[in-house]
Amino acid sequence: MTTLVIGNKNYSSWSLRPWLALKAGGIAFDEKLIVLNQPDSKAKLLDASPAGLVPVLVTDGGLTVWDSLAIIEWAAEQAKVPLWPTDENARAIARSVSAEMHSGFFPLRKHCPMNIRRINAARERDEAVMKDAQRIDEIWSDCRKRFGAGGPYLFGAFSGADCMYAPVVTRLRTYSLPVSDASKAYMDAVLNHPAFLEWEAAGKAEPWTNPNSEVD
């Protein structure tokens, strides 16, 4: 059986992304959770992958894939339902916005770590954080306008792009960052996706707390 090694569901944004892709793609897998920020966490992570990070996918054939976007691409090739738009233009944009998420938005990541259990009151945030939020809002609004006619997600049907942005949806909710009405509707769709609801319930039930991610 294919195994996905992940970190805490309440905090591990990178783990959420491929987990959603495997679920949405109808791919059977076992789940192995490594509790992060523990004395033995690093040793367990290095045992799972030379990169020493989660997530890590280990197939039943012994293949190890250790990057979120790479795992999503693997899942797209195995999936029973498409994980990328079938239209080639939409698919190119979906991969572009996913890559932008993969490599950018560092202020938002630094100052607004994923924490599913928290909902903070709106307040003034770092200028760079607000610029990230504005750019994300622009991406979501543009994708919905151009490609979203077939459903409530960025490209209509749920896709790898939604997997990449799902942790950002939780961040904007947790820190009450302002977004447009179009983005609010998109966030509601992601937050009510059955796979996300399953992850969220498990994250809220976890007993572990990471002080570095408990940010107001």
N, C-alpha and C. Protein backbone atom coordinates (compact mmCIF):
# COMPACT_ATOMS: atom_id res chain seq x y z
N MET A 1 0.85 -1.21 0.00
CA MET A 1 0.00 0.00 0.00
C MET A 1 0.88 1.25 0.00
N THR A 2 0.54 2.23 -0.81
CA THR A 2 1.23 3.52 -0.81
C THR A 2 1.03 4.20 0.54
N THR A 3 2.09 4.82 1.03
CA THR A 3 2.05 5.49 2.33
C THR A 3 2.42 6.96 2.18
N LEU A 4 1.65 7.84 2.80
CA LEU A 4 1.97 9.25 2.84
C LEU A 4 2.38 9.60 4.27
N VAL A 5 3.60 10.09 4.40
CA VAL A 5 4.12 10.51 5.70
C VAL A 5 3.85 12.01 5.84
N ILE A 6 3.18 12.38 6.92
CA ILE A 6 2.77 13.77 7.11
C ILE A 6 3.15 14.25 8.51
N GLY A 7 3.01 15.56 8.72
CA GLY A 7 3.17 16.14 10.04
C GLY A 7 1.82 16.42 10.66
N ASN A 8 1.83 17.13 11.78
CA ASN A 8 0.59 17.45 12.50
C ASN A 8 -0.44 18.07 11.56
N LYS A 9 -1.67 17.58 11.63
CA LYS A 9 -2.70 18.09 10.72
C LYS A 9 -3.12 19.52 11.06
N ASN A 10 -2.97 19.91 12.29
CA ASN A 10 -3.34 21.29 12.64
C ASN A 10 -2.36 22.30 12.06
N TYR A 11 -1.11 21.91 11.91
CA TYR A 11 -0.06 22.87 11.55
C TYR A 11 0.62 22.64 10.20
N SER A 12 0.66 21.42 9.71
CA SER A 12 1.52 21.11 8.57
C SER A 12 0.84 21.41 7.24
N SER A 13 1.05 22.61 6.76
CA SER A 13 0.43 23.05 5.51
C SER A 13 0.90 22.23 4.32
N TRP A 14 2.18 21.91 4.28
CA TRP A 14 2.70 21.16 3.14
C TRP A 14 2.17 19.74 3.12
N SER A 15 1.87 19.18 4.29
CA SER A 15 1.30 17.84 4.33
C SER A 15 -0.14 17.82 3.81
N LEU A 16 -0.88 18.88 4.10
CA LEU A 16 -2.28 18.95 3.68
C LEU A 16 -2.41 18.87 2.17
N ARG A 17 -1.53 19.51 1.46
CA ARG A 17 -1.66 19.63 0.00
C ARG A 17 -1.72 18.26 -0.70
N PRO A 18 -0.71 17.40 -0.57
CA PRO A 18 -0.80 16.12 -1.28
C PRO A 18 -1.83 15.17 -0.67
N TRP A 19 -2.11 15.32 0.61
CA TRP A 19 -3.14 14.49 1.24
C TRP A 19 -4.48 14.74 0.55
N LEU A 20 -4.81 16.00 0.31
CA LEU A 20 -6.04 16.34 -0.41
C LEU A 20 -6.02 15.77 -1.82
N ALA A 21 -4.87 15.83 -2.48
CA ALA A 21 -4.78 15.34 -3.85
C ALA A 21 -5.03 13.84 -3.91
N LEU A 22 -4.46 13.10 -2.98
CA LEU A 22 -4.67 11.65 -2.96
C LEU A 22 -6.14 11.32 -2.69
N LYS A 23 -6.74 12.05 -1.73
CA LYS A 23 -8.15 11.84 -1.42
C LYS A 23 -9.03 12.19 -2.62
N ALA A 24 -8.80 13.36 -3.19
CA ALA A 24 -9.63 13.81 -4.31
C ALA A 24 -9.45 12.92 -5.53
N GLY A 25 -8.25 12.37 -5.67
CA GLY A 25 -7.96 11.51 -6.82
C GLY A 25 -8.43 10.08 -6.64
N GLY A 26 -8.99 9.76 -5.49
CA GLY A 26 -9.48 8.41 -5.26
C GLY A 26 -8.38 7.38 -5.14
N ILE A 27 -7.21 7.80 -4.64
CA ILE A 27 -6.05 6.92 -4.52
C ILE A 27 -5.98 6.38 -3.10
N ALA A 28 -5.97 5.07 -2.95
CA ALA A 28 -5.89 4.45 -1.63
C ALA A 28 -4.47 4.62 -1.07
N PHE A 29 -4.39 4.98 0.20
CA PHE A 29 -3.06 5.13 0.81
C PHE A 29 -3.17 4.98 2.32
N ASP A 30 -2.06 4.56 2.91
CA ASP A 30 -1.92 4.58 4.36
C ASP A 30 -1.32 5.92 4.77
N GLU A 31 -1.57 6.30 5.99
CA GLU A 31 -1.09 7.58 6.51
C GLU A 31 -0.18 7.33 7.71
N LYS A 32 0.99 7.95 7.70
CA LYS A 32 1.90 7.88 8.84
C LYS A 32 2.17 9.29 9.32
N LEU A 33 1.79 9.60 10.54
CA LEU A 33 1.95 10.94 11.07
C LEU A 33 3.15 11.01 12.00
N ILE A 34 4.04 11.97 11.72
CA ILE A 34 5.18 12.26 12.60
C ILE A 34 4.87 13.56 13.33
N VAL A 35 4.82 13.49 14.64
CA VAL A 35 4.56 14.69 15.44
C VAL A 35 5.79 15.59 15.36
N LEU A 36 5.58 16.82 14.91
CA LEU A 36 6.69 17.76 14.73
C LEU A 36 7.02 18.47 16.03
N ASN A 37 8.23 19.06 16.06
CA ASN A 37 8.69 19.84 17.21
C ASN A 37 8.79 19.02 18.49
N GLN A 38 9.16 17.76 18.34
CA GLN A 38 9.44 16.88 19.46
C GLN A 38 10.92 16.52 19.45
N PRO A 39 11.48 16.07 20.57
CA PRO A 39 12.91 15.75 20.61
C PRO A 39 13.34 14.72 19.56
N ASP A 40 12.46 13.79 19.22
CA ASP A 40 12.82 12.75 18.27
C ASP A 40 12.29 13.01 16.86
N SER A 41 11.71 14.18 16.63
CA SER A 41 11.08 14.46 15.33
C SER A 41 12.09 14.44 14.19
N LYS A 42 13.22 15.07 14.37
CA LYS A 42 14.19 15.17 13.28
C LYS A 42 14.69 13.80 12.88
N ALA A 43 14.97 12.94 13.86
CA ALA A 43 15.45 11.59 13.54
C ALA A 43 14.38 10.82 12.75
N LYS A 44 13.13 10.95 13.14
CA LYS A 44 12.05 10.27 12.43
C LYS A 44 11.88 10.81 11.02
N LEU A 45 12.04 12.13 10.86
CA LEU A 45 11.92 12.73 9.54
C LEU A 45 13.05 12.27 8.62
N LEU A 46 14.27 12.22 9.15
CA LEU A 46 15.41 11.78 8.34
C LEU A 46 15.29 10.30 8.00
N ASP A 47 14.66 9.55 8.86
CA ASP A 47 14.44 8.14 8.56
C ASP A 47 13.43 7.97 7.43
N ALA A 48 12.48 8.91 7.35
CA ALA A 48 11.46 8.84 6.30
C ALA A 48 11.96 9.35 4.97
N SER A 49 12.85 10.36 5.00
CA SER A 49 13.35 10.96 3.76
C SER A 49 14.69 11.64 4.00
N PRO A 50 15.63 11.56 3.06
CA PRO A 50 16.90 12.26 3.22
C PRO A 50 16.74 13.77 3.36
N ALA A 51 15.64 14.32 2.83
CA ALA A 51 15.40 15.76 2.96
C ALA A 51 15.06 16.15 4.38
N GLY A 52 14.61 15.20 5.18
CA GLY A 52 14.26 15.49 6.56
C GLY A 52 13.04 16.35 6.73
N LEU A 53 12.10 16.27 5.77
CA LEU A 53 10.90 17.10 5.79
C LEU A 53 9.69 16.25 5.44
N VAL A 54 8.53 16.73 5.83
CA VAL A 54 7.28 16.13 5.36
C VAL A 54 6.64 17.11 4.37
N PRO A 55 5.83 16.58 3.46
CA PRO A 55 5.39 15.20 3.32
C PRO A 55 6.36 14.34 2.54
N VAL A 56 6.17 13.03 2.65
CA VAL A 56 6.92 12.04 1.88
C VAL A 56 5.94 10.98 1.43
N LEU A 57 5.97 10.64 0.16
CA LEU A 57 5.15 9.56 -0.37
C LEU A 57 6.05 8.38 -0.67
N VAL A 58 5.67 7.20 -0.19
CA VAL A 58 6.38 5.96 -0.49
C VAL A 58 5.38 5.01 -1.14
N THR A 59 5.60 4.68 -2.40
CA THR A 59 4.67 3.82 -3.11
C THR A 59 4.89 2.36 -2.73
N ASP A 60 3.90 1.53 -3.09
CA ASP A 60 4.05 0.10 -2.80
C ASP A 60 5.15 -0.54 -3.64
N GLY A 61 5.62 0.20 -4.65
CA GLY A 61 6.74 -0.28 -5.44
C GLY A 61 8.09 0.19 -4.93
N GLY A 62 8.09 0.96 -3.83
CA GLY A 62 9.33 1.40 -3.22
C GLY A 62 9.82 2.76 -3.68
N LEU A 63 9.04 3.46 -4.52
CA LEU A 63 9.41 4.80 -4.96
C LEU A 63 9.17 5.80 -3.84
N THR A 64 10.13 6.71 -3.60
CA THR A 64 9.98 7.76 -2.60
C THR A 64 9.90 9.11 -3.30
N VAL A 65 8.85 9.87 -3.01
CA VAL A 65 8.66 11.22 -3.56
C VAL A 65 8.50 12.16 -2.38
N TRP A 66 9.31 13.24 -2.32
CA TRP A 66 9.40 14.01 -1.08
C TRP A 66 9.10 15.50 -1.23
N ASP A 67 8.30 15.87 -2.18
CA ASP A 67 7.91 17.28 -2.34
C ASP A 67 6.41 17.33 -2.61
N SER A 68 5.74 18.30 -1.99
CA SER A 68 4.28 18.38 -2.11
C SER A 68 3.79 18.44 -3.55
N LEU A 69 4.36 19.36 -4.32
CA LEU A 69 3.90 19.51 -5.70
C LEU A 69 4.24 18.29 -6.54
N ALA A 70 5.40 17.69 -6.28
CA ALA A 70 5.76 16.47 -7.00
C ALA A 70 4.81 15.33 -6.67
N ILE A 71 4.38 15.25 -5.41
CA ILE A 71 3.41 14.21 -5.03
C ILE A 71 2.07 14.47 -5.71
N ILE A 72 1.67 15.73 -5.79
CA ILE A 72 0.42 16.05 -6.50
C ILE A 72 0.52 15.64 -7.96
N GLU A 73 1.66 15.88 -8.59
CA GLU A 73 1.84 15.47 -9.98
C GLU A 73 1.80 13.95 -10.10
N TRP A 74 2.42 13.24 -9.16
CA TRP A 74 2.34 11.78 -9.15
C TRP A 74 0.89 11.34 -9.02
N ALA A 75 0.17 11.97 -8.10
CA ALA A 75 -1.22 11.62 -7.89
C ALA A 75 -2.05 11.86 -9.14
N ALA A 76 -1.77 12.95 -9.85
CA ALA A 76 -2.51 13.26 -11.06
C ALA A 76 -2.36 12.17 -12.12
N GLU A 77 -1.20 11.51 -12.13
CA GLU A 77 -0.97 10.44 -13.09
C GLU A 77 -1.65 9.13 -12.67
N GLN A 78 -1.93 8.99 -11.37
CA GLN A 78 -2.55 7.77 -10.86
C GLN A 78 -4.05 7.92 -10.64
N ALA A 79 -4.54 9.14 -10.62
CA ALA A 79 -5.89 9.44 -10.15
C ALA A 79 -6.98 8.82 -11.03
N LYS A 80 -8.09 8.50 -10.36
CA LYS A 80 -9.26 7.99 -11.07
C LYS A 80 -10.10 9.12 -11.66
N VAL A 81 -9.91 10.32 -11.12
CA VAL A 81 -10.56 11.51 -11.68
C VAL A 81 -9.47 12.54 -11.94
N PRO A 82 -9.63 13.42 -12.94
CA PRO A 82 -8.57 14.38 -13.28
C PRO A 82 -8.23 15.30 -12.11
N LEU A 83 -6.95 15.53 -11.90
CA LEU A 83 -6.50 16.47 -10.87
C LEU A 83 -5.96 17.77 -11.47
N TRP A 84 -5.92 17.84 -12.78
CA TRP A 84 -5.60 19.09 -13.47
C TRP A 84 -6.68 19.34 -14.51
N PRO A 85 -6.93 20.59 -14.86
CA PRO A 85 -7.94 20.88 -15.89
C PRO A 85 -7.64 20.15 -17.19
N THR A 86 -8.68 19.72 -17.89
CA THR A 86 -8.48 19.01 -19.15
C THR A 86 -8.13 19.97 -20.29
N ASP A 87 -8.59 21.21 -20.21
CA ASP A 87 -8.23 22.21 -21.22
C ASP A 87 -6.77 22.61 -21.05
N GLU A 88 -6.01 22.60 -22.12
CA GLU A 88 -4.57 22.82 -22.01
C GLU A 88 -4.22 24.22 -21.53
N ASN A 89 -4.99 25.22 -21.91
CA ASN A 89 -4.72 26.58 -21.44
C ASN A 89 -5.00 26.70 -19.94
N ALA A 90 -6.14 26.17 -19.52
CA ALA A 90 -6.47 26.20 -18.09
C ALA A 90 -5.44 25.40 -17.29
N ARG A 91 -5.02 24.28 -17.85
CA ARG A 91 -4.03 23.45 -17.16
C ARG A 91 -2.70 24.19 -16.98
N ALA A 92 -2.29 24.94 -17.99
CA ALA A 92 -1.05 25.71 -17.89
C ALA A 92 -1.15 26.77 -16.81
N ILE A 93 -2.28 27.46 -16.73
CA ILE A 93 -2.48 28.47 -15.69
C ILE A 93 -2.56 27.82 -14.32
N ALA A 94 -3.23 26.68 -14.23
CA ALA A 94 -3.32 25.97 -12.95
C ALA A 94 -1.95 25.61 -12.43
N ARG A 95 -1.08 25.15 -13.31
CA ARG A 95 0.28 24.81 -12.89
C ARG A 95 1.07 26.07 -12.55
N SER A 96 0.82 27.16 -13.26
CA SER A 96 1.53 28.41 -12.98
C SER A 96 1.18 28.95 -11.59
N VAL A 97 -0.11 28.99 -11.27
CA VAL A 97 -0.50 29.53 -9.97
C VAL A 97 -0.08 28.58 -8.85
N SER A 98 -0.03 27.29 -9.15
CA SER A 98 0.44 26.33 -8.15
C SER A 98 1.94 26.52 -7.88
N ALA A 99 2.70 26.74 -8.94
CA ALA A 99 4.13 26.97 -8.78
C ALA A 99 4.39 28.28 -8.04
N GLU A 100 3.56 29.29 -8.29
CA GLU A 100 3.72 30.56 -7.57
C GLU A 100 3.49 30.35 -6.08
N MET A 101 2.51 29.53 -5.74
CA MET A 101 2.27 29.22 -4.33
C MET A 101 3.45 28.45 -3.76
N HIS A 102 3.96 27.52 -4.52
CA HIS A 102 5.05 26.66 -4.06
C HIS A 102 6.30 27.45 -3.72
N SER A 103 6.55 28.50 -4.49
CA SER A 103 7.83 29.21 -4.35
C SER A 103 7.72 30.60 -3.75
N GLY A 104 6.51 31.03 -3.39
CA GLY A 104 6.36 32.41 -2.95
C GLY A 104 5.58 32.59 -1.67
N PHE A 105 5.16 33.83 -1.45
CA PHE A 105 4.34 34.23 -0.31
C PHE A 105 5.02 33.96 1.03
N PHE A 106 6.31 34.28 1.09
CA PHE A 106 7.07 34.02 2.32
C PHE A 106 6.62 34.86 3.51
N PRO A 107 6.26 36.14 3.35
CA PRO A 107 5.78 36.90 4.51
C PRO A 107 4.53 36.28 5.14
N LEU A 108 3.60 35.85 4.30
CA LEU A 108 2.39 35.21 4.82
C LEU A 108 2.74 33.94 5.57
N ARG A 109 3.63 33.15 5.01
CA ARG A 109 4.04 31.90 5.67
C ARG A 109 4.70 32.19 7.02
N LYS A 110 5.55 33.21 7.04
CA LYS A 110 6.31 33.51 8.26
C LYS A 110 5.43 34.06 9.36
N HIS A 111 4.60 35.01 9.03
CA HIS A 111 3.84 35.73 10.06
C HIS A 111 2.47 35.11 10.35
N CYS A 112 1.99 34.26 9.45
CA CYS A 112 0.65 33.68 9.61
C CYS A 112 0.71 32.17 9.40
N PRO A 113 1.36 31.44 10.29
CA PRO A 113 1.46 29.99 10.13
C PRO A 113 0.11 29.32 10.17
N MET A 114 -0.01 28.19 9.48
CA MET A 114 -1.28 27.47 9.48
C MET A 114 -1.60 26.98 10.88
N ASN A 115 -2.82 27.23 11.30
CA ASN A 115 -3.31 26.78 12.60
C ASN A 115 -4.82 26.66 12.49
N ILE A 116 -5.28 25.47 12.15
CA ILE A 116 -6.70 25.26 11.86
C ILE A 116 -7.57 25.56 13.06
N ARG A 117 -7.04 25.35 14.25
CA ARG A 117 -7.86 25.49 15.46
C ARG A 117 -8.15 26.93 15.83
N ARG A 118 -7.41 27.88 15.29
CA ARG A 118 -7.55 29.28 15.71
C ARG A 118 -8.37 30.10 14.72
N ILE A 119 -9.15 31.02 15.24
CA ILE A 119 -9.78 32.08 14.45
C ILE A 119 -9.49 33.38 15.20
N ASN A 120 -8.62 34.21 14.66
CA ASN A 120 -8.22 35.45 15.31
C ASN A 120 -9.03 36.63 14.78
N ALA A 121 -9.20 37.62 15.63
CA ALA A 121 -9.88 38.84 15.20
C ALA A 121 -9.03 39.58 14.17
N ALA A 122 -9.69 40.29 13.29
CA ALA A 122 -8.98 41.08 12.28
C ALA A 122 -8.19 42.18 12.96
N ARG A 123 -6.98 42.42 12.47
CA ARG A 123 -6.16 43.52 12.97
C ARG A 123 -5.17 43.91 11.88
N GLU A 124 -4.49 45.02 12.09
CA GLU A 124 -3.50 45.47 11.11
C GLU A 124 -2.34 44.48 11.06
N ARG A 125 -1.94 44.12 9.86
CA ARG A 125 -0.86 43.16 9.67
C ARG A 125 0.32 43.82 8.96
N ASP A 126 1.44 43.11 8.95
CA ASP A 126 2.63 43.55 8.24
C ASP A 126 2.28 43.86 6.78
N GLU A 127 2.87 44.92 6.25
CA GLU A 127 2.57 45.35 4.88
C GLU A 127 2.82 44.24 3.87
N ALA A 128 3.91 43.49 4.07
CA ALA A 128 4.23 42.41 3.13
C ALA A 128 3.19 41.30 3.19
N VAL A 129 2.66 41.04 4.38
CA VAL A 129 1.59 40.05 4.52
C VAL A 129 0.36 40.49 3.73
N MET A 130 0.01 41.76 3.86
CA MET A 130 -1.16 42.28 3.16
C MET A 130 -0.97 42.24 1.64
N LYS A 131 0.25 42.48 1.18
CA LYS A 131 0.52 42.38 -0.25
C LYS A 131 0.36 40.93 -0.73
N ASP A 132 0.82 39.98 0.07
CA ASP A 132 0.62 38.57 -0.28
C ASP A 132 -0.86 38.25 -0.36
N ALA A 133 -1.62 38.69 0.64
CA ALA A 133 -3.06 38.42 0.65
C ALA A 133 -3.75 39.03 -0.57
N GLN A 134 -3.32 40.24 -0.94
CA GLN A 134 -3.91 40.90 -2.10
C GLN A 134 -3.59 40.13 -3.38
N ARG A 135 -2.34 39.66 -3.51
CA ARG A 135 -1.95 38.90 -4.70
C ARG A 135 -2.73 37.59 -4.77
N ILE A 136 -2.90 36.92 -3.65
CA ILE A 136 -3.67 35.67 -3.62
C ILE A 136 -5.11 35.93 -4.02
N ASP A 137 -5.68 37.00 -3.51
CA ASP A 137 -7.05 37.38 -3.87
C ASP A 137 -7.14 37.59 -5.39
N GLU A 138 -6.15 38.26 -5.96
CA GLU A 138 -6.15 38.49 -7.40
C GLU A 138 -6.10 37.17 -8.17
N ILE A 139 -5.26 36.25 -7.73
CA ILE A 139 -5.14 34.95 -8.39
C ILE A 139 -6.47 34.21 -8.35
N TRP A 140 -7.04 34.14 -7.17
CA TRP A 140 -8.31 33.41 -7.03
C TRP A 140 -9.42 34.04 -7.86
N SER A 141 -9.53 35.35 -7.80
CA SER A 141 -10.59 36.03 -8.54
C SER A 141 -10.42 35.85 -10.04
N ASP A 142 -9.18 35.94 -10.51
CA ASP A 142 -8.91 35.79 -11.94
C ASP A 142 -9.21 34.37 -12.41
N CYS A 143 -8.77 33.38 -11.65
CA CYS A 143 -9.02 31.98 -12.05
C CYS A 143 -10.52 31.68 -12.05
N ARG A 144 -11.21 32.16 -11.03
CA ARG A 144 -12.65 31.92 -10.96
C ARG A 144 -13.37 32.57 -12.16
N LYS A 145 -12.96 33.78 -12.50
CA LYS A 145 -13.61 34.49 -13.59
C LYS A 145 -13.33 33.83 -14.94
N ARG A 146 -12.10 33.40 -15.15
CA ARG A 146 -11.71 32.87 -16.46
C ARG A 146 -12.03 31.39 -16.64
N PHE A 147 -11.92 30.62 -15.55
CA PHE A 147 -11.98 29.16 -15.70
C PHE A 147 -12.96 28.47 -14.76
N GLY A 148 -13.68 29.21 -13.95
CA GLY A 148 -14.45 28.59 -12.89
C GLY A 148 -15.90 28.30 -13.18
N ALA A 149 -16.29 28.33 -14.44
CA ALA A 149 -17.72 28.18 -14.76
C ALA A 149 -18.25 26.79 -14.40
N GLY A 150 -17.39 25.78 -14.37
CA GLY A 150 -17.87 24.41 -14.19
C GLY A 150 -17.99 23.95 -12.75
N GLY A 151 -17.79 24.85 -11.79
CA GLY A 151 -17.86 24.44 -10.40
C GLY A 151 -17.37 25.55 -9.49
N PRO A 152 -17.29 25.32 -8.17
CA PRO A 152 -16.97 26.39 -7.23
C PRO A 152 -15.48 26.59 -6.96
N TYR A 153 -14.63 25.81 -7.64
CA TYR A 153 -13.20 25.86 -7.35
C TYR A 153 -12.46 26.71 -8.38
N LEU A 154 -11.16 26.84 -8.24
CA LEU A 154 -10.41 27.77 -9.09
C LEU A 154 -10.61 27.50 -10.57
N PHE A 155 -10.66 26.22 -10.93
CA PHE A 155 -10.82 25.85 -12.34
C PHE A 155 -12.08 25.03 -12.54
N GLY A 156 -13.10 25.39 -11.77
CA GLY A 156 -14.37 24.68 -11.85
C GLY A 156 -14.36 23.47 -10.95
N ALA A 157 -13.87 22.35 -11.46
CA ALA A 157 -13.73 21.13 -10.66
C ALA A 157 -12.52 21.26 -9.73
N PHE A 158 -12.56 20.53 -8.63
CA PHE A 158 -11.46 20.52 -7.68
C PHE A 158 -10.20 20.01 -8.37
N SER A 159 -9.06 20.68 -8.14
CA SER A 159 -7.84 20.36 -8.87
C SER A 159 -6.62 20.48 -7.97
N GLY A 160 -5.46 20.17 -8.56
CA GLY A 160 -4.20 20.32 -7.84
C GLY A 160 -3.96 21.75 -7.38
N ALA A 161 -4.48 22.72 -8.12
CA ALA A 161 -4.32 24.12 -7.71
C ALA A 161 -5.05 24.38 -6.40
N ASP A 162 -6.23 23.79 -6.23
CA ASP A 162 -6.96 23.95 -4.98
C ASP A 162 -6.23 23.26 -3.83
N CYS A 163 -5.60 22.13 -4.12
CA CYS A 163 -4.78 21.47 -3.09
C CYS A 163 -3.65 22.39 -2.64
N MET A 164 -3.03 23.07 -3.58
CA MET A 164 -1.91 23.96 -3.24
C MET A 164 -2.37 25.15 -2.42
N TYR A 165 -3.58 25.65 -2.68
CA TYR A 165 -4.05 26.86 -1.99
C TYR A 165 -4.90 26.57 -0.75
N ALA A 166 -5.26 25.33 -0.51
CA ALA A 166 -6.10 25.02 0.65
C ALA A 166 -5.50 25.50 1.97
N PRO A 167 -4.19 25.31 2.23
CA PRO A 167 -3.63 25.84 3.48
C PRO A 167 -3.70 27.37 3.57
N VAL A 168 -3.66 28.03 2.41
CA VAL A 168 -3.77 29.49 2.40
C VAL A 168 -5.19 29.90 2.76
N VAL A 169 -6.15 29.12 2.29
CA VAL A 169 -7.54 29.38 2.68
C VAL A 169 -7.66 29.37 4.20
N THR A 170 -7.05 28.38 4.84
CA THR A 170 -7.13 28.32 6.31
C THR A 170 -6.41 29.49 6.95
N ARG A 171 -5.31 29.93 6.36
CA ARG A 171 -4.58 31.07 6.92
C ARG A 171 -5.41 32.35 6.85
N LEU A 172 -6.03 32.59 5.72
CA LEU A 172 -6.84 33.80 5.58
C LEU A 172 -8.02 33.78 6.55
N ARG A 173 -8.55 32.59 6.80
CA ARG A 173 -9.62 32.46 7.78
C ARG A 173 -9.07 32.66 9.20
N THR A 174 -7.98 32.01 9.53
CA THR A 174 -7.43 32.09 10.88
C THR A 174 -7.09 33.51 11.27
N TYR A 175 -6.49 34.27 10.34
CA TYR A 175 -6.02 35.61 10.66
C TYR A 175 -6.98 36.70 10.17
N SER A 176 -8.15 36.29 9.73
CA SER A 176 -9.22 37.22 9.32
C SER A 176 -8.69 38.28 8.36
N LEU A 177 -7.96 37.83 7.34
CA LEU A 177 -7.42 38.75 6.34
C LEU A 177 -8.50 39.09 5.31
N PRO A 178 -8.53 40.34 4.85
CA PRO A 178 -9.59 40.77 3.94
C PRO A 178 -9.45 40.19 2.54
N VAL A 179 -10.56 39.74 1.97
CA VAL A 179 -10.58 39.24 0.59
C VAL A 179 -11.89 39.69 -0.07
N SER A 180 -11.93 39.57 -1.37
CA SER A 180 -13.12 39.94 -2.13
C SER A 180 -14.24 38.93 -1.92
N ASP A 181 -15.43 39.30 -2.34
CA ASP A 181 -16.57 38.39 -2.24
C ASP A 181 -16.33 37.12 -3.05
N ALA A 182 -15.71 37.27 -4.21
CA ALA A 182 -15.43 36.09 -5.04
C ALA A 182 -14.50 35.12 -4.31
N SER A 183 -13.50 35.68 -3.63
CA SER A 183 -12.57 34.83 -2.89
C SER A 183 -13.22 34.22 -1.66
N LYS A 184 -14.12 34.96 -1.02
CA LYS A 184 -14.84 34.40 0.13
C LYS A 184 -15.66 33.19 -0.29
N ALA A 185 -16.31 33.29 -1.44
CA ALA A 185 -17.11 32.17 -1.94
C ALA A 185 -16.21 30.97 -2.25
N TYR A 186 -15.05 31.25 -2.82
CA TYR A 186 -14.10 30.17 -3.10
C TYR A 186 -13.61 29.53 -1.80
N MET A 187 -13.28 30.34 -0.81
CA MET A 187 -12.85 29.82 0.48
C MET A 187 -13.91 28.91 1.10
N ASP A 188 -15.16 29.33 1.01
CA ASP A 188 -16.25 28.51 1.56
C ASP A 188 -16.30 27.15 0.87
N ALA A 189 -16.07 27.14 -0.43
CA ALA A 189 -16.11 25.87 -1.17
C ALA A 189 -14.99 24.94 -0.69
N VAL A 190 -13.79 25.47 -0.53
CA VAL A 190 -12.67 24.65 -0.07
C VAL A 190 -12.90 24.16 1.35
N LEU A 191 -13.36 25.06 2.22
CA LEU A 191 -13.55 24.72 3.63
C LEU A 191 -14.67 23.70 3.82
N ASN A 192 -15.51 23.52 2.82
CA ASN A 192 -16.60 22.55 2.91
C ASN A 192 -16.38 21.32 2.02
N HIS A 193 -15.20 21.23 1.42
CA HIS A 193 -14.88 20.03 0.65
C HIS A 193 -14.81 18.84 1.61
N PRO A 194 -15.40 17.70 1.27
CA PRO A 194 -15.41 16.56 2.20
C PRO A 194 -14.03 16.13 2.69
N ALA A 195 -13.04 16.14 1.81
CA ALA A 195 -11.69 15.74 2.23
C ALA A 195 -11.11 16.76 3.21
N PHE A 196 -11.33 18.04 2.93
CA PHE A 196 -10.81 19.04 3.87
C PHE A 196 -11.49 18.92 5.23
N LEU A 197 -12.79 18.69 5.24
CA LEU A 197 -13.51 18.55 6.51
C LEU A 197 -12.97 17.37 7.32
N GLU A 198 -12.60 16.31 6.64
CA GLU A 198 -12.01 15.15 7.32
C GLU A 198 -10.67 15.53 7.96
N TRP A 199 -9.83 16.24 7.20
CA TRP A 199 -8.53 16.69 7.72
C TRP A 199 -8.73 17.66 8.89
N GLU A 200 -9.64 18.61 8.72
CA GLU A 200 -9.87 19.62 9.74
C GLU A 200 -10.30 18.99 11.07
N ALA A 201 -11.22 18.03 11.00
CA ALA A 201 -11.71 17.38 12.22
C ALA A 201 -10.56 16.67 12.94
N ALA A 202 -9.70 16.02 12.18
CA ALA A 202 -8.55 15.34 12.80
C ALA A 202 -7.57 16.34 13.39
N GLY A 203 -7.35 17.46 12.69
CA GLY A 203 -6.45 18.49 13.19
C GLY A 203 -6.93 19.10 14.48
N LYS A 204 -8.23 19.36 14.56
CA LYS A 204 -8.79 19.95 15.77
C LYS A 204 -8.72 18.99 16.96
N ALA A 205 -8.70 17.69 16.67
CA ALA A 205 -8.68 16.69 17.74
C ALA A 205 -7.27 16.37 18.24
N GLU A 206 -6.25 16.87 17.55
CA GLU A 206 -4.87 16.56 17.96
C GLU A 206 -4.55 17.18 19.32
N PRO A 207 -3.80 16.47 20.15
CA PRO A 207 -3.46 16.99 21.48
C PRO A 207 -2.21 17.86 21.52
N TRP A 208 -1.46 17.89 20.42
CA TRP A 208 -0.16 18.56 20.44
C TRP A 208 -0.29 20.04 20.17
N THR A 209 0.60 20.83 20.76
CA THR A 209 0.63 22.27 20.54
C THR A 209 2.04 22.70 20.19
N ASN A 210 2.15 23.53 19.15
CA ASN A 210 3.43 24.12 18.76
C ASN A 210 3.38 25.61 19.07
N PRO A 211 4.08 26.06 20.10
CA PRO A 211 4.02 27.49 20.46
C PRO A 211 4.39 28.44 19.33
N ASN A 212 5.28 27.99 18.43
CA ASN A 212 5.71 28.86 17.33
C ASN A 212 4.59 29.13 16.33
N SER A 213 3.56 28.30 16.34
CA SER A 213 2.45 28.48 15.41
C SER A 213 1.19 29.02 16.09
N GLU A 214 1.30 29.32 17.36
CA GLU A 214 0.17 29.90 18.09
C GLU A 214 0.31 31.43 18.07
N VAL A 215 -0.04 32.02 16.94
CA VAL A 215 0.19 33.43 16.66
C VAL A 215 -1.15 34.15 16.64
N ASP A 216 -1.24 35.31 17.29
CA ASP A 216 -2.47 36.11 17.27
C ASP A 216 -2.59 36.87 15.97
